[in-house]
Amino acid sequence: MSKISKLKKSRANWKGKSIDRGSENRKLKKELKRMRRERDRLKQENKELKAQLDNQTKPYGNIRPYSDHPSIVCLWSYQLSSNGASH
């Protein structure tokens, strides 16, 4: 095989590999861009939902809901036990 034919074959192989590599890189860039847009959208949605939740719980401040409050639970269980004893 002559030097010229080896050179042509080598360049053809290099060119084919380069084209494949470029198309793969473009595909990966598109995928990365799509994933970043999705991530940003979900972050924004999460931020909005947290703000909405904060606005809903703001009137209560640091007060826990009644069902979790120990004295209410104690009174409720006492009332249940006293109702059961009278029957």
Protein backbone atom coordinates (compact mmCIF):
# COMPACT_ATOMS: atom_id res chain seq x y z
CA MET A 1 0.00 0.00 0.00
CA SER A 2 1.41 3.35 -0.93
CA LYS A 3 1.94 6.19 1.50
CA ILE A 4 -0.71 8.31 -0.21
CA SER A 5 -3.41 5.64 0.08
CA LYS A 6 -2.52 5.07 3.76
CA LEU A 7 -2.78 8.80 4.37
CA LYS A 8 -6.17 9.03 2.60
CA LYS A 9 -7.49 6.06 4.59
CA SER A 10 -6.20 7.52 7.87
CA ARG A 11 -7.82 10.88 7.16
CA ALA A 12 -11.10 9.24 6.18
CA ASN A 13 -11.12 7.28 9.46
CA TRP A 14 -10.29 10.41 11.44
CA LYS A 15 -13.03 12.37 9.67
CA GLY A 16 -15.64 9.67 10.35
CA LYS A 17 -14.71 9.47 14.03
CA SER A 18 -14.81 13.26 14.28
CA ILE A 19 -18.31 13.40 12.78
CA ASP A 20 -19.53 10.68 15.17
CA ARG A 21 -17.98 12.44 18.15
CA GLY A 22 -19.53 15.77 17.17
CA SER A 23 -23.02 14.32 16.76
CA GLU A 24 -22.73 12.54 20.12
CA ASN A 25 -21.60 15.79 21.79
CA ARG A 26 -24.53 17.71 20.27
CA LYS A 27 -26.96 15.05 21.46
CA LEU A 28 -25.53 15.18 24.99
CA LYS A 29 -25.65 18.99 25.05
CA LYS A 30 -29.33 18.93 24.08
CA GLU A 31 -30.07 16.38 26.79
CA LEU A 32 -28.16 18.41 29.39
CA LYS A 33 -30.02 21.57 28.40
CA ARG A 34 -33.35 19.75 28.69
CA MET A 35 -32.45 18.36 32.11
CA ARG A 36 -31.35 21.79 33.37
CA ARG A 37 -34.63 23.36 32.19
CA GLU A 38 -36.58 20.61 33.95
CA ARG A 39 -34.51 21.07 37.13
CA ASP A 40 -35.03 24.83 37.09
CA ARG A 41 -38.77 24.38 36.53
CA LEU A 42 -39.02 21.96 39.46
CA LYS A 43 -36.98 24.26 41.70
CA GLN A 44 -39.27 27.16 40.88
CA GLU A 45 -42.35 25.03 41.49
CA ASN A 46 -40.89 23.88 44.82
CA LYS A 47 -40.18 27.48 45.84
CA GLU A 48 -43.74 28.53 44.97
CA LEU A 49 -45.25 25.62 46.90
CA LYS A 50 -43.10 26.39 49.95
CA ALA A 51 -44.19 30.02 49.84
CA GLN A 52 -47.80 28.92 49.53
CA LEU A 53 -47.40 26.57 52.49
CA ASP A 54 -45.76 29.31 54.57
CA ASN A 55 -48.66 31.63 53.78
CA GLN A 56 -51.14 28.99 54.90
CA THR A 57 -49.39 28.29 58.21
CA LYS A 58 -48.40 31.89 58.95
CA PRO A 59 -51.53 32.79 60.95
CA TYR A 60 -50.69 29.99 63.41
CA GLY A 61 -47.09 31.03 63.90
CA ASN A 62 -45.24 28.57 66.12
CA ILE A 63 -48.40 27.08 67.60
CA ARG A 64 -48.72 23.38 66.92
CA PRO A 65 -51.99 21.96 65.64
CA TYR A 66 -54.49 20.93 68.32
CA SER A 67 -54.20 17.23 67.63
CA ASP A 68 -50.49 17.29 68.48
CA HIS A 69 -50.80 19.37 71.62
CA PRO A 70 -50.21 17.12 74.69
CA SER A 71 -52.79 18.78 76.98
CA ILE A 72 -55.54 18.45 74.36
CA VAL A 73 -54.64 14.81 73.81
CA CYS A 74 -54.64 14.21 77.55
CA LEU A 75 -58.05 15.86 78.00
CA TRP A 76 -59.44 13.95 75.07
CA SER A 77 -58.18 10.60 76.41
CA TYR A 78 -59.50 11.49 79.90
CA GLN A 79 -62.91 12.29 78.42
CA LEU A 80 -62.94 8.99 76.54
CA SER A 81 -62.03 7.02 79.65
CA SER A 82 -64.68 8.78 81.75
CA ASN A 83 -67.34 8.15 79.10
CA GLY A 84 -66.38 4.48 79.00
CA ALA A 85 -66.59 4.15 82.82
CA SER A 86 -70.13 5.55 82.99
CA HIS A 87 -71.55 3.06 80.48
